Amino acid sequence: MTTPETWKGQCHCGAVRFSVTTDLEGLADCNCSRCKRLGWVMKGVPESAFTLEAGEDRLVDYRFNTHAISHLFCRDCGIESFGRGQDGAGNKMVMINVNCLEGAPDIDRSTIKHWDGRNF
C-alpha cells in the first residue's frame, strides 16, 4: 500500500484548481457513454480529502441518467477534472480525474479496475 500524498490538480486552462490527499491505488475507468468518450482514469476520495482552491464560479454542472453525479467541467476549457456524488453508503465523495493531477505518473490502463457503467 502506498502512502497518501497531497496532489495538485487543475483543468486545462488552470481556471479550476484543487488539491487532494490520496494514494494512487484502486484506480478505475468506466465504459458508460460519458466516461468512455472522456478517457477518464478515476480515483474516488472522501469529500474531506478534497479542496477546491479556485474556479468555483467557472464550474458548470452536467447530470445525466439518474442525475446522482454532479459532473463538473470548466466553462472556459471544457475539462472535467473532478465530479461530486455519494458512495453506496451515502457518504459524500469526489471522483478525481487522475489525468488532471500535476506530476502524476502515466497510468497503464491494463492494471486498473474496469467499471461496467454501461450496464449499471
PDB file of N, CA and C in Angstrom:
ATOM      1  N   MET A   1       0.850  -1.193   0.000  1.00  0.00           N
ATOM      2  CA  MET A   1       0.000   0.000   0.000  1.00  0.00           C
ATOM      3  C   MET A   1       0.886   1.243   0.000  1.00  0.00           C
ATOM      4  N   THR A   2       0.549   2.191  -0.840  1.00  0.00           N
ATOM      5  CA  THR A   2       1.325   3.422  -0.907  1.00  0.00           C
ATOM      6  C   THR A   2       0.806   4.432   0.103  1.00  0.00           C
ATOM      7  N   THR A   3       1.655   5.366   0.447  1.00  0.00           N
ATOM      8  CA  THR A   3       1.305   6.415   1.391  1.00  0.00           C
ATOM      9  C   THR A   3       0.550   7.526   0.658  1.00  0.00           C
ATOM     10  N   PRO A   4      -0.542   8.016   1.246  1.00  0.00           N
ATOM     11  CA  PRO A   4      -1.250   9.135   0.611  1.00  0.00           C
ATOM     12  C   PRO A   4      -0.348  10.361   0.486  1.00  0.00           C
ATOM     13  N   GLU A   5      -0.500  11.061  -0.604  1.00  0.00           N
ATOM     14  CA  GLU A   5       0.214  12.311  -0.862  1.00  0.00           C
ATOM     15  C   GLU A   5      -0.815  13.388  -1.160  1.00  0.00           C
ATOM     16  N   THR A   6      -0.397  14.631  -1.035  1.00  0.00           N
ATOM     17  CA  THR A   6      -1.255  15.727  -1.461  1.00  0.00           C
ATOM     18  C   THR A   6      -0.839  16.112  -2.872  1.00  0.00           C
ATOM     19  N   TRP A   7      -1.802  16.010  -3.762  1.00  0.00           N
ATOM     20  CA  TRP A   7      -1.605  16.292  -5.183  1.00  0.00           C
ATOM     21  C   TRP A   7      -2.316  17.584  -5.540  1.00  0.00           C
ATOM     22  N   LYS A   8      -1.755  18.326  -6.470  1.00  0.00           N
ATOM     23  CA  LYS A   8      -2.404  19.500  -7.054  1.00  0.00           C
ATOM     24  C   LYS A   8      -2.987  19.079  -8.393  1.00  0.00           C
ATOM     25  N   GLY A   9      -4.151  19.611  -8.716  1.00  0.00           N
ATOM     26  CA  GLY A   9      -4.784  19.305  -9.984  1.00  0.00           C
ATOM     27  C   GLY A   9      -5.460  20.526 -10.554  1.00  0.00           C
ATOM     28  N   GLN A  10      -5.761  20.447 -11.844  1.00  0.00           N
ATOM     29  CA  GLN A  10      -6.437  21.571 -12.477  1.00  0.00           C
ATOM     30  C   GLN A  10      -7.047  21.148 -13.802  1.00  0.00           C
ATOM     31  N   CYS A  11      -7.911  22.010 -14.304  1.00  0.00           N
ATOM     32  CA  CYS A  11      -8.437  21.844 -15.659  1.00  0.00           C
ATOM     33  C   CYS A  11      -7.332  22.238 -16.639  1.00  0.00           C
ATOM     34  N   HIS A  12      -7.615  22.226 -17.920  1.00  0.00           N
ATOM     35  CA  HIS A  12      -6.598  22.536 -18.931  1.00  0.00           C
ATOM     36  C   HIS A  12      -6.115  23.979 -18.855  1.00  0.00           C
ATOM     37  N   CYS A  13      -7.032  24.918 -18.683  1.00  0.00           N
ATOM     38  CA  CYS A  13      -6.654  26.334 -18.694  1.00  0.00           C
ATOM     39  C   CYS A  13      -6.206  26.851 -17.329  1.00  0.00           C
ATOM     40  N   GLY A  14      -6.416  26.082 -16.270  1.00  0.00           N
ATOM     41  CA  GLY A  14      -5.993  26.481 -14.933  1.00  0.00           C
ATOM     42  C   GLY A  14      -6.992  27.314 -14.160  1.00  0.00           C
ATOM     43  N   ALA A  15      -8.158  27.581 -14.734  1.00  0.00           N
ATOM     44  CA  ALA A  15      -9.168  28.363 -14.016  1.00  0.00           C
ATOM     45  C   ALA A  15      -9.715  27.590 -12.816  1.00  0.00           C
ATOM     46  N   VAL A  16      -9.834  26.264 -12.946  1.00  0.00           N
ATOM     47  CA  VAL A  16     -10.290  25.393 -11.857  1.00  0.00           C
ATOM     48  C   VAL A  16      -9.071  24.675 -11.312  1.00  0.00           C
ATOM     49  N   ARG A  17      -8.781  24.914 -10.013  1.00  0.00           N
ATOM     50  CA  ARG A  17      -7.627  24.288  -9.372  1.00  0.00           C
ATOM     51  C   ARG A  17      -8.062  23.676  -8.051  1.00  0.00           C
ATOM     52  N   PHE A  18      -7.429  22.558  -7.708  1.00  0.00           N
ATOM     53  CA  PHE A  18      -7.778  21.849  -6.485  1.00  0.00           C
ATOM     54  C   PHE A  18      -6.575  21.136  -5.917  1.00  0.00           C
ATOM     55  N   SER A  19      -6.707  20.682  -4.669  1.00  0.00           N
ATOM     56  CA  SER A  19      -5.732  19.778  -4.072  1.00  0.00           C
ATOM     57  C   SER A  19      -6.508  18.598  -3.502  1.00  0.00           C
ATOM     58  N   VAL A  20      -5.847  17.453  -3.476  1.00  0.00           N
ATOM     59  CA  VAL A  20      -6.472  16.232  -2.977  1.00  0.00           C
ATOM     60  C   VAL A  20      -5.397  15.392  -2.305  1.00  0.00           C
ATOM     61  N   THR A  21      -5.742  14.816  -1.165  1.00  0.00           N
ATOM     62  CA  THR A  21      -4.821  13.932  -0.465  1.00  0.00           C
ATOM     63  C   THR A  21      -5.302  12.509  -0.654  1.00  0.00           C
ATOM     64  N   THR A  22      -4.467  11.715  -1.333  1.00  0.00           N
ATOM     65  CA  THR A  22      -4.837  10.338  -1.655  1.00  0.00           C
ATOM     66  C   THR A  22      -3.603   9.563  -2.100  1.00  0.00           C
ATOM     67  N   ASP A  23      -3.732   8.257  -2.096  1.00  0.00           N
ATOM     68  CA  ASP A  23      -2.757   7.431  -2.794  1.00  0.00           C
ATOM     69  C   ASP A  23      -3.296   7.225  -4.208  1.00  0.00           C
ATOM     70  N   LEU A  24      -2.521   6.592  -5.031  1.00  0.00           N
ATOM     71  CA  LEU A  24      -2.990   6.345  -6.396  1.00  0.00           C
ATOM     72  C   LEU A  24      -3.234   4.852  -6.612  1.00  0.00           C
ATOM     73  N   GLU A  25      -3.785   4.217  -5.597  1.00  0.00           N
ATOM     74  CA  GLU A  25      -4.198   2.819  -5.703  1.00  0.00           C
ATOM     75  C   GLU A  25      -5.697   2.766  -5.974  1.00  0.00           C
ATOM     76  N   GLY A  26      -6.154   1.643  -6.490  1.00  0.00           N
ATOM     77  CA  GLY A  26      -7.581   1.470  -6.730  1.00  0.00           C
ATOM     78  C   GLY A  26      -8.124   2.347  -7.843  1.00  0.00           C
ATOM     79  N   LEU A  27      -7.303   2.627  -8.838  1.00  0.00           N
ATOM     80  CA  LEU A  27      -7.745   3.450  -9.963  1.00  0.00           C
ATOM     81  C   LEU A  27      -8.692   2.652 -10.847  1.00  0.00           C
ATOM     82  N   ALA A  28      -9.543   3.356 -11.559  1.00  0.00           N
ATOM     83  CA  ALA A  28     -10.533   2.683 -12.403  1.00  0.00           C
ATOM     84  C   ALA A  28     -10.841   3.518 -13.633  1.00  0.00           C
ATOM     85  N   ASP A  29     -11.405   2.853 -14.606  1.00  0.00           N
ATOM     86  CA  ASP A  29     -12.034   3.545 -15.712  1.00  0.00           C
ATOM     87  C   ASP A  29     -13.443   2.994 -15.846  1.00  0.00           C
ATOM     88  N   CYS A  30     -14.210   3.562 -16.738  1.00  0.00           N
ATOM     89  CA  CYS A  30     -15.625   3.213 -16.849  1.00  0.00           C
ATOM     90  C   CYS A  30     -16.014   3.224 -18.321  1.00  0.00           C
ATOM     91  N   ASN A  31     -16.926   2.329 -18.682  1.00  0.00           N
ATOM     92  CA  ASN A  31     -17.349   2.239 -20.083  1.00  0.00           C
ATOM     93  C   ASN A  31     -18.724   2.848 -20.331  1.00  0.00           C
ATOM     94  N   CYS A  32     -19.218   3.697 -19.396  1.00  0.00           N
ATOM     95  CA  CYS A  32     -20.503   4.350 -19.658  1.00  0.00           C
ATOM     96  C   CYS A  32     -20.340   5.301 -20.843  1.00  0.00           C
ATOM     97  N   SER A  33     -21.434   5.771 -21.372  1.00  0.00           N
ATOM     98  CA  SER A  33     -21.402   6.595 -22.582  1.00  0.00           C
ATOM     99  C   SER A  33     -20.576   7.864 -22.403  1.00  0.00           C
ATOM    100  N   ARG A  34     -20.525   8.404 -21.225  1.00  0.00           N
ATOM    101  CA  ARG A  34     -19.787   9.643 -20.972  1.00  0.00           C
ATOM    102  C   ARG A  34     -18.305   9.372 -20.711  1.00  0.00           C
ATOM    103  N   CYS A  35     -18.000   8.512 -19.746  1.00  0.00           N
ATOM    104  CA  CYS A  35     -16.602   8.246 -19.379  1.00  0.00           C
ATOM    105  C   CYS A  35     -15.802   7.658 -20.536  1.00  0.00           C
ATOM    106  N   LYS A  36     -16.446   6.805 -21.312  1.00  0.00           N
ATOM    107  CA  LYS A  36     -15.764   6.201 -22.461  1.00  0.00           C
ATOM    108  C   LYS A  36     -15.255   7.278 -23.404  1.00  0.00           C
ATOM    109  N   ARG A  37     -16.070   8.283 -23.633  1.00  0.00           N
ATOM    110  CA  ARG A  37     -15.683   9.363 -24.537  1.00  0.00           C
ATOM    111  C   ARG A  37     -14.608  10.268 -23.938  1.00  0.00           C
ATOM    112  N   LEU A  38     -14.631  10.421 -22.617  1.00  0.00           N
ATOM    113  CA  LEU A  38     -13.698  11.329 -21.952  1.00  0.00           C
ATOM    114  C   LEU A  38     -12.336  10.703 -21.678  1.00  0.00           C
ATOM    115  N   GLY A  39     -12.265   9.389 -21.550  1.00  0.00           N
ATOM    116  CA  GLY A  39     -10.999   8.733 -21.264  1.00  0.00           C
ATOM    117  C   GLY A  39     -10.502   8.940 -19.837  1.00  0.00           C
ATOM    118  N   TRP A  40     -11.407   9.121 -18.923  1.00  0.00           N
ATOM    119  CA  TRP A  40     -11.073   9.310 -17.509  1.00  0.00           C
ATOM    120  C   TRP A  40     -10.267   8.142 -16.952  1.00  0.00           C
ATOM    121  N   VAL A  41      -9.381   8.444 -16.004  1.00  0.00           N
ATOM    122  CA  VAL A  41      -8.856   7.476 -15.037  1.00  0.00           C
ATOM    123  C   VAL A  41      -9.328   8.021 -13.697  1.00  0.00           C
ATOM    124  N   MET A  42     -10.139   7.232 -12.987  1.00  0.00           N
ATOM    125  CA  MET A  42     -10.844   7.723 -11.809  1.00  0.00           C
ATOM    126  C   MET A  42     -10.211   7.261 -10.503  1.00  0.00           C
ATOM    127  N   LYS A  43     -10.295   8.148  -9.512  1.00  0.00           N
ATOM    128  CA  LYS A  43      -9.923   7.835  -8.142  1.00  0.00           C
ATOM    129  C   LYS A  43     -10.939   8.508  -7.239  1.00  0.00           C
ATOM    130  N   GLY A  44     -11.698   7.709  -6.496  1.00  0.00           N
ATOM    131  CA  GLY A  44     -12.677   8.253  -5.570  1.00  0.00           C
ATOM    132  C   GLY A  44     -12.038   8.566  -4.230  1.00  0.00           C
ATOM    133  N   VAL A  45     -12.394   9.721  -3.663  1.00  0.00           N
ATOM    134  CA  VAL A  45     -11.882  10.134  -2.356  1.00  0.00           C
ATOM    135  C   VAL A  45     -13.035  10.696  -1.528  1.00  0.00           C
ATOM    136  N   PRO A  46     -12.937  10.612  -0.193  1.00  0.00           N
ATOM    137  CA  PRO A  46     -13.944  11.277   0.639  1.00  0.00           C
ATOM    138  C   PRO A  46     -13.898  12.791   0.412  1.00  0.00           C
ATOM    139  N   GLU A  47     -15.037  13.422   0.545  1.00  0.00           N
ATOM    140  CA  GLU A  47     -15.102  14.872   0.338  1.00  0.00           C
ATOM    141  C   GLU A  47     -14.078  15.624   1.195  1.00  0.00           C
ATOM    142  N   SER A  48     -13.792  15.107   2.395  1.00  0.00           N
ATOM    143  CA  SER A  48     -12.861  15.765   3.315  1.00  0.00           C
ATOM    144  C   SER A  48     -11.418  15.763   2.809  1.00  0.00           C
ATOM    145  N   ALA A  49     -11.080  14.923   1.828  1.00  0.00           N
ATOM    146  CA  ALA A  49      -9.720  14.843   1.283  1.00  0.00           C
ATOM    147  C   ALA A  49      -9.514  15.798   0.110  1.00  0.00           C
ATOM    148  N   PHE A  50     -10.551  16.537  -0.256  1.00  0.00           N
ATOM    149  CA  PHE A  50     -10.548  17.377  -1.456  1.00  0.00           C
ATOM    150  C   PHE A  50     -10.746  18.841  -1.083  1.00  0.00           C
ATOM    151  N   THR A  51      -9.963  19.718  -1.694  1.00  0.00           N
ATOM    152  CA  THR A  51     -10.140  21.163  -1.508  1.00  0.00           C
ATOM    153  C   THR A  51     -10.155  21.838  -2.874  1.00  0.00           C
ATOM    154  N   LEU A  52     -11.246  22.514  -3.181  1.00  0.00           N
ATOM    155  CA  LEU A  52     -11.318  23.328  -4.396  1.00  0.00           C
ATOM    156  C   LEU A  52     -10.653  24.650  -4.073  1.00  0.00           C
ATOM    157  N   GLU A  53      -9.542  24.947  -4.741  1.00  0.00           N
ATOM    158  CA  GLU A  53      -8.751  26.140  -4.434  1.00  0.00           C
ATOM    159  C   GLU A  53      -9.135  27.342  -5.278  1.00  0.00           C
ATOM    160  N   ALA A  54      -9.625  27.110  -6.478  1.00  0.00           N
ATOM    161  CA  ALA A  54     -10.023  28.226  -7.347  1.00  0.00           C
ATOM    162  C   ALA A  54     -10.989  27.705  -8.407  1.00  0.00           C
ATOM    163  N   GLY A  55     -11.860  28.581  -8.862  1.00  0.00           N
ATOM    164  CA  GLY A  55     -12.697  28.277 -10.005  1.00  0.00           C
ATOM    165  C   GLY A  55     -14.114  27.824  -9.742  1.00  0.00           C
ATOM    166  N   GLU A  56     -14.591  27.940  -8.517  1.00  0.00           N
ATOM    167  CA  GLU A  56     -15.987  27.552  -8.238  1.00  0.00           C
ATOM    168  C   GLU A  56     -16.937  28.249  -9.215  1.00  0.00           C
ATOM    169  N   ASP A  57     -16.656  29.513  -9.501  1.00  0.00           N
ATOM    170  CA  ASP A  57     -17.509  30.290 -10.398  1.00  0.00           C
ATOM    171  C   ASP A  57     -17.334  29.905 -11.869  1.00  0.00           C
ATOM    172  N   ARG A  58     -16.343  29.072 -12.195  1.00  0.00           N
ATOM    173  CA  ARG A  58     -16.105  28.650 -13.570  1.00  0.00           C
ATOM    174  C   ARG A  58     -16.710  27.278 -13.857  1.00  0.00           C
ATOM    175  N   LEU A  59     -17.236  26.605 -12.833  1.00  0.00           N
ATOM    176  CA  LEU A  59     -17.753  25.251 -12.987  1.00  0.00           C
ATOM    177  C   LEU A  59     -19.178  25.225 -13.519  1.00  0.00           C
ATOM    178  N   VAL A  60     -19.418  24.317 -14.439  1.00  0.00           N
ATOM    179  CA  VAL A  60     -20.748  24.068 -14.983  1.00  0.00           C
ATOM    180  C   VAL A  60     -21.111  22.639 -14.616  1.00  0.00           C
ATOM    181  N   ASP A  61     -22.313  22.443 -14.125  1.00  0.00           N
ATOM    182  CA  ASP A  61     -22.786  21.128 -13.683  1.00  0.00           C
ATOM    183  C   ASP A  61     -23.551  20.437 -14.808  1.00  0.00           C
ATOM    184  N   TYR A  62     -23.207  19.185 -15.048  1.00  0.00           N
ATOM    185  CA  TYR A  62     -23.929  18.370 -16.023  1.00  0.00           C
ATOM    186  C   TYR A  62     -24.335  17.076 -15.342  1.00  0.00           C
ATOM    187  N   ARG A  63     -25.605  16.715 -15.447  1.00  0.00           N
ATOM    188  CA  ARG A  63     -26.105  15.471 -14.863  1.00  0.00           C
ATOM    189  C   ARG A  63     -26.865  14.705 -15.935  1.00  0.00           C
ATOM    190  N   PHE A  64     -26.720  13.384 -15.906  1.00  0.00           N
ATOM    191  CA  PHE A  64     -27.439  12.558 -16.869  1.00  0.00           C
ATOM    192  C   PHE A  64     -27.871  11.268 -16.201  1.00  0.00           C
ATOM    193  N   ASN A  65     -28.635  10.475 -16.896  1.00  0.00           N
ATOM    194  CA  ASN A  65     -29.149   9.197 -16.414  1.00  0.00           C
ATOM    195  C   ASN A  65     -29.913   9.388 -15.106  1.00  0.00           C
ATOM    196  N   THR A  66     -29.359   8.969 -13.959  1.00  0.00           N
ATOM    197  CA  THR A  66     -30.072   9.085 -12.684  1.00  0.00           C
ATOM    198  C   THR A  66     -29.913  10.464 -12.044  1.00  0.00           C
ATOM    199  N   HIS A  67     -29.085  11.312 -12.615  1.00  0.00           N
ATOM    200  CA  HIS A  67     -28.814  12.661 -12.110  1.00  0.00           C
ATOM    201  C   HIS A  67     -28.177  12.656 -10.721  1.00  0.00           C
ATOM    202  N   ALA A  68     -27.581  11.548 -10.315  1.00  0.00           N
ATOM    203  CA  ALA A  68     -26.992  11.425  -8.984  1.00  0.00           C
ATOM    204  C   ALA A  68     -25.572  11.985  -8.916  1.00  0.00           C
ATOM    205  N   ILE A  69     -24.875  12.045 -10.038  1.00  0.00           N
ATOM    206  CA  ILE A  69     -23.488  12.509 -10.045  1.00  0.00           C
ATOM    207  C   ILE A  69     -23.429  13.896 -10.664  1.00  0.00           C
ATOM    208  N   SER A  70     -22.733  14.786  -9.974  1.00  0.00           N
ATOM    209  CA  SER A  70     -22.530  16.141 -10.468  1.00  0.00           C
ATOM    210  C   SER A  70     -21.229  16.158 -11.261  1.00  0.00           C
ATOM    211  N   HIS A  71     -21.347  16.084 -12.572  1.00  0.00           N
ATOM    212  CA  HIS A  71     -20.187  16.155 -13.462  1.00  0.00           C
ATOM    213  C   HIS A  71     -19.876  17.633 -13.648  1.00  0.00           C
ATOM    214  N   LEU A  72     -18.736  18.066 -13.153  1.00  0.00           N
ATOM    215  CA  LEU A  72     -18.395  19.488 -13.150  1.00  0.00           C
ATOM    216  C   LEU A  72     -17.270  19.756 -14.136  1.00  0.00           C
ATOM    217  N   PHE A  73     -17.515  20.645 -15.076  1.00  0.00           N
ATOM    218  CA  PHE A  73     -16.474  20.954 -16.044  1.00  0.00           C
ATOM    219  C   PHE A  73     -16.262  22.459 -16.118  1.00  0.00           C
ATOM    220  N   CYS A  74     -15.070  22.838 -16.532  1.00  0.00           N
ATOM    221  CA  CYS A  74     -14.696  24.238 -16.640  1.00  0.00           C
ATOM    222  C   CYS A  74     -15.421  24.882 -17.822  1.00  0.00           C
ATOM    223  N   ARG A  75     -16.076  25.990 -17.572  1.00  0.00           N
ATOM    224  CA  ARG A  75     -16.813  26.675 -18.645  1.00  0.00           C
ATOM    225  C   ARG A  75     -15.878  27.301 -19.665  1.00  0.00           C
ATOM    226  N   ASP A  76     -14.592  27.437 -19.333  1.00  0.00           N
ATOM    227  CA  ASP A  76     -13.638  28.051 -20.261  1.00  0.00           C
ATOM    228  C   ASP A  76     -12.994  27.027 -21.188  1.00  0.00           C
ATOM    229  N   CYS A  77     -12.454  25.927 -20.633  1.00  0.00           N
ATOM    230  CA  CYS A  77     -11.731  24.962 -21.464  1.00  0.00           C
ATOM    231  C   CYS A  77     -12.491  23.642 -21.656  1.00  0.00           C
ATOM    232  N   GLY A  78     -13.553  23.412 -20.876  1.00  0.00           N
ATOM    233  CA  GLY A  78     -14.376  22.223 -21.058  1.00  0.00           C
ATOM    234  C   GLY A  78     -13.897  20.956 -20.366  1.00  0.00           C
ATOM    235  N   ILE A  79     -12.788  21.028 -19.621  1.00  0.00           N
ATOM    236  CA  ILE A  79     -12.239  19.834 -18.984  1.00  0.00           C
ATOM    237  C   ILE A  79     -12.960  19.536 -17.663  1.00  0.00           C
ATOM    238  N   GLU A  80     -13.307  18.261 -17.473  1.00  0.00           N
ATOM    239  CA  GLU A  80     -13.900  17.793 -16.220  1.00  0.00           C
ATOM    240  C   GLU A  80     -12.782  17.156 -15.400  1.00  0.00           C
ATOM    241  N   SER A  81     -12.267  17.902 -14.414  1.00  0.00           N
ATOM    242  CA  SER A  81     -11.155  17.414 -13.614  1.00  0.00           C
ATOM    243  C   SER A  81     -11.620  16.659 -12.375  1.00  0.00           C
ATOM    244  N   PHE A  82     -12.894  16.811 -12.005  1.00  0.00           N
ATOM    245  CA  PHE A  82     -13.466  16.062 -10.878  1.00  0.00           C
ATOM    246  C   PHE A  82     -14.980  16.128 -10.974  1.00  0.00           C
ATOM    247  N   GLY A  83     -15.631  15.257 -10.217  1.00  0.00           N
ATOM    248  CA  GLY A  83     -17.080  15.255 -10.097  1.00  0.00           C
ATOM    249  C   GLY A  83     -17.449  14.983  -8.646  1.00  0.00           C
ATOM    250  N   ARG A  84     -18.677  15.261  -8.297  1.00  0.00           N
ATOM    251  CA  ARG A  84     -19.136  15.044  -6.918  1.00  0.00           C
ATOM    252  C   ARG A  84     -20.333  14.110  -6.899  1.00  0.00           C
ATOM    253  N   GLY A  85     -20.389  13.308  -5.846  1.00  0.00           N
ATOM    254  CA  GLY A  85     -21.503  12.386  -5.678  1.00  0.00           C
ATOM    255  C   GLY A  85     -21.470  11.763  -4.303  1.00  0.00           C
ATOM    256  N   GLN A  86     -22.041  10.563  -4.189  1.00  0.00           N
ATOM    257  CA  GLN A  86     -22.065   9.820  -2.939  1.00  0.00           C
ATOM    258  C   GLN A  86     -21.674   8.384  -3.215  1.00  0.00           C
ATOM    259  N   ASP A  87     -21.059   7.753  -2.193  1.00  0.00           N
ATOM    260  CA  ASP A  87     -20.765   6.337  -2.336  1.00  0.00           C
ATOM    261  C   ASP A  87     -22.020   5.534  -2.005  1.00  0.00           C
ATOM    262  N   GLY A  88     -21.927   4.218  -2.037  1.00  0.00           N
ATOM    263  CA  GLY A  88     -23.082   3.358  -1.800  1.00  0.00           C
ATOM    264  C   GLY A  88     -23.706   3.502  -0.424  1.00  0.00           C
ATOM    265  N   ALA A  89     -22.934   4.013   0.549  1.00  0.00           N
ATOM    266  CA  ALA A  89     -23.438   4.206   1.913  1.00  0.00           C
ATOM    267  C   ALA A  89     -23.974   5.619   2.131  1.00  0.00           C
ATOM    268  N   GLY A  90     -23.952   6.462   1.093  1.00  0.00           N
ATOM    269  CA  GLY A  90     -24.470   7.816   1.198  1.00  0.00           C
ATOM    270  C   GLY A  90     -23.450   8.853   1.641  1.00  0.00           C
ATOM    271  N   ASN A  91     -22.180   8.461   1.750  1.00  0.00           N
ATOM    272  CA  ASN A  91     -21.134   9.408   2.139  1.00  0.00           C
ATOM    273  C   ASN A  91     -20.748  10.280   0.940  1.00  0.00           C
ATOM    274  N   LYS A  92     -20.578  11.577   1.182  1.00  0.00           N
ATOM    275  CA  LYS A  92     -20.179  12.477   0.109  1.00  0.00           C
ATOM    276  C   LYS A  92     -18.766  12.141  -0.341  1.00  0.00           C
ATOM    277  N   MET A  93     -18.588  12.112  -1.658  1.00  0.00           N
ATOM    278  CA  MET A  93     -17.279  11.813  -2.205  1.00  0.00           C
ATOM    279  C   MET A  93     -17.009  12.663  -3.431  1.00  0.00           C
ATOM    280  N   VAL A  94     -15.740  12.681  -3.822  1.00  0.00           N
ATOM    281  CA  VAL A  94     -15.311  13.377  -5.023  1.00  0.00           C
ATOM    282  C   VAL A  94     -14.582  12.357  -5.881  1.00  0.00           C
ATOM    283  N   MET A  95     -14.891  12.339  -7.154  1.00  0.00           N
ATOM    284  CA  MET A  95     -14.206  11.460  -8.102  1.00  0.00           C
ATOM    285  C   MET A  95     -13.214  12.331  -8.862  1.00  0.00           C
ATOM    286  N   ILE A  96     -11.949  12.020  -8.698  1.00  0.00           N
ATOM    287  CA  ILE A  96     -10.868  12.786  -9.313  1.00  0.00           C
ATOM    288  C   ILE A  96     -10.522  12.177 -10.663  1.00  0.00           C
ATOM    289  N   ASN A  97     -10.290  13.016 -11.650  1.00  0.00           N
ATOM    290  CA  ASN A  97      -9.742  12.585 -12.930  1.00  0.00           C
ATOM    291  C   ASN A  97      -8.222  12.613 -12.763  1.00  0.00           C
ATOM    292  N   VAL A  98      -7.610  11.448 -12.551  1.00  0.00           N
ATOM    293  CA  VAL A  98      -6.172  11.353 -12.281  1.00  0.00           C
ATOM    294  C   VAL A  98      -5.355  12.000 -13.395  1.00  0.00           C
ATOM    295  N   ASN A  99      -5.881  12.020 -14.603  1.00  0.00           N
ATOM    296  CA  ASN A  99      -5.173  12.656 -15.719  1.00  0.00           C
ATOM    297  C   ASN A  99      -5.021  14.164 -15.528  1.00  0.00           C
ATOM    298  N   CYS A 100      -5.723  14.746 -14.563  1.00  0.00           N
ATOM    299  CA  CYS A 100      -5.638  16.182 -14.302  1.00  0.00           C
ATOM    300  C   CYS A 100      -4.722  16.522 -13.125  1.00  0.00           C
ATOM    301  N   LEU A 101      -4.081  15.514 -12.526  1.00  0.00           N
ATOM    302  CA  LEU A 101      -3.147  15.763 -11.425  1.00  0.00           C
ATOM    303  C   LEU A 101      -1.769  16.117 -11.963  1.00  0.00           C
ATOM    304  N   GLU A 102      -1.177  17.148 -11.402  1.00  0.00           N
ATOM    305  CA  GLU A 102       0.163  17.562 -11.804  1.00  0.00           C
ATOM    306  C   GLU A 102       1.186  16.554 -11.289  1.00  0.00           C
ATOM    307  N   GLY A 103       2.047  16.067 -12.168  1.00  0.00           N
ATOM    308  CA  GLY A 103       3.112  15.160 -11.769  1.00  0.00           C
ATOM    309  C   GLY A 103       2.697  13.725 -11.539  1.00  0.00           C
ATOM    310  N   ALA A 104       1.448  13.395 -11.816  1.00  0.00           N
ATOM    311  CA  ALA A 104       1.011  12.001 -11.640  1.00  0.00           C
ATOM    312  C   ALA A 104       1.696  11.125 -12.682  1.00  0.00           C
ATOM    313  N   PRO A 105       2.019   9.903 -12.316  1.00  0.00           N
ATOM    314  CA  PRO A 105       2.677   9.024 -13.289  1.00  0.00           C
ATOM    315  C   PRO A 105       1.713   8.626 -14.405  1.00  0.00           C
ATOM    316  N   ASP A 106       2.273   8.231 -15.538  1.00  0.00           N
ATOM    317  CA  ASP A 106       1.445   7.678 -16.608  1.00  0.00           C
ATOM    318  C   ASP A 106       0.779   6.411 -16.073  1.00  0.00           C
ATOM    319  N   ILE A 107      -0.451   6.201 -16.457  1.00  0.00           N
ATOM    320  CA  ILE A 107      -1.227   5.069 -15.960  1.00  0.00           C
ATOM    321  C   ILE A 107      -1.283   3.976 -17.019  1.00  0.00           C
ATOM    322  N   ASP A 108      -0.907   2.780 -16.641  1.00  0.00           N
ATOM    323  CA  ASP A 108      -1.049   1.608 -17.501  1.00  0.00           C
ATOM    324  C   ASP A 108      -2.478   1.112 -17.321  1.00  0.00           C
ATOM    325  N   ARG A 109      -3.315   1.348 -18.291  1.00  0.00           N
ATOM    326  CA  ARG A 109      -4.736   1.002 -18.159  1.00  0.00           C
ATOM    327  C   ARG A 109      -4.981  -0.497 -17.987  1.00  0.00           C
ATOM    328  N   SER A 110      -4.033  -1.314 -18.332  1.00  0.00           N
ATOM    329  CA  SER A 110      -4.225  -2.761 -18.137  1.00  0.00           C
ATOM    330  C   SER A 110      -4.130  -3.146 -16.662  1.00  0.00           C
ATOM    331  N   THR A 111      -3.681  -2.220 -15.797  1.00  0.00           N
ATOM    332  CA  THR A 111      -3.505  -2.524 -14.381  1.00  0.00           C
ATOM    333  C   THR A 111      -4.617  -1.967 -13.503  1.00  0.00           C
ATOM    334  N   ILE A 112      -5.604  -1.288 -14.088  1.00  0.00           N
ATOM    335  CA  ILE A 112      -6.645  -0.664 -13.282  1.00  0.00           C
ATOM    336  C   ILE A 112      -7.962  -1.431 -13.396  1.00  0.00           C
ATOM    337  N   LYS A 113      -8.866  -1.142 -12.460  1.00  0.00           N
ATOM    338  CA  LYS A 113     -10.187  -1.778 -12.447  1.00  0.00           C
ATOM    339  C   LYS A 113     -11.043  -1.184 -13.566  1.00  0.00           C
ATOM    340  N   HIS A 114     -11.789  -2.027 -14.221  1.00  0.00           N
ATOM    341  CA  HIS A 114     -12.683  -1.563 -15.287  1.00  0.00           C
ATOM    342  C   HIS A 114     -14.122  -1.684 -14.784  1.00  0.00           C
ATOM    343  N   TRP A 115     -14.790  -0.547 -14.621  1.00  0.00           N
ATOM    344  CA  TRP A 115     -16.157  -0.476 -14.111  1.00  0.00           C
ATOM    345  C   TRP A 115     -17.119  -0.557 -15.279  1.00  0.00           C
ATOM    346  N   ASP A 116     -18.086  -1.463 -15.187  1.00  0.00           N
ATOM    347  CA  ASP A 116     -19.074  -1.635 -16.255  1.00  0.00           C
ATOM    348  C   ASP A 116     -20.240  -0.673 -16.038  1.00  0.00           C
ATOM    349  N   GLY A 117     -19.969   0.619 -16.241  1.00  0.00           N
ATOM    350  CA  GLY A 117     -21.008   1.632 -16.067  1.00  0.00           C
ATOM    351  C   GLY A 117     -22.084   1.566 -17.141  1.00  0.00           C
ATOM    352  N   ARG A 118     -21.761   1.012 -18.296  1.00  0.00           N
ATOM    353  CA  ARG A 118     -22.721   0.891 -19.390  1.00  0.00           C
ATOM    354  C   ARG A 118     -23.907   0.040 -18.963  1.00  0.00           C
ATOM    355  N   ASN A 119     -23.661  -0.995 -18.157  1.00  0.00           N
ATOM    356  CA  ASN A 119     -24.721  -1.918 -17.741  1.00  0.00           C
ATOM    357  C   ASN A 119     -25.122  -1.741 -16.282  1.00  0.00           C
ATOM    358  N   PHE A 120     -24.727  -0.646 -15.677  1.00  0.00           N
ATOM    359  CA  PHE A 120     -25.031  -0.397 -14.256  1.00  0.00           C
ATOM    360  C   PHE A 120     -26.479   0.004 -14.090  1.00  0.00           C
TER     361      PHE A 120
END
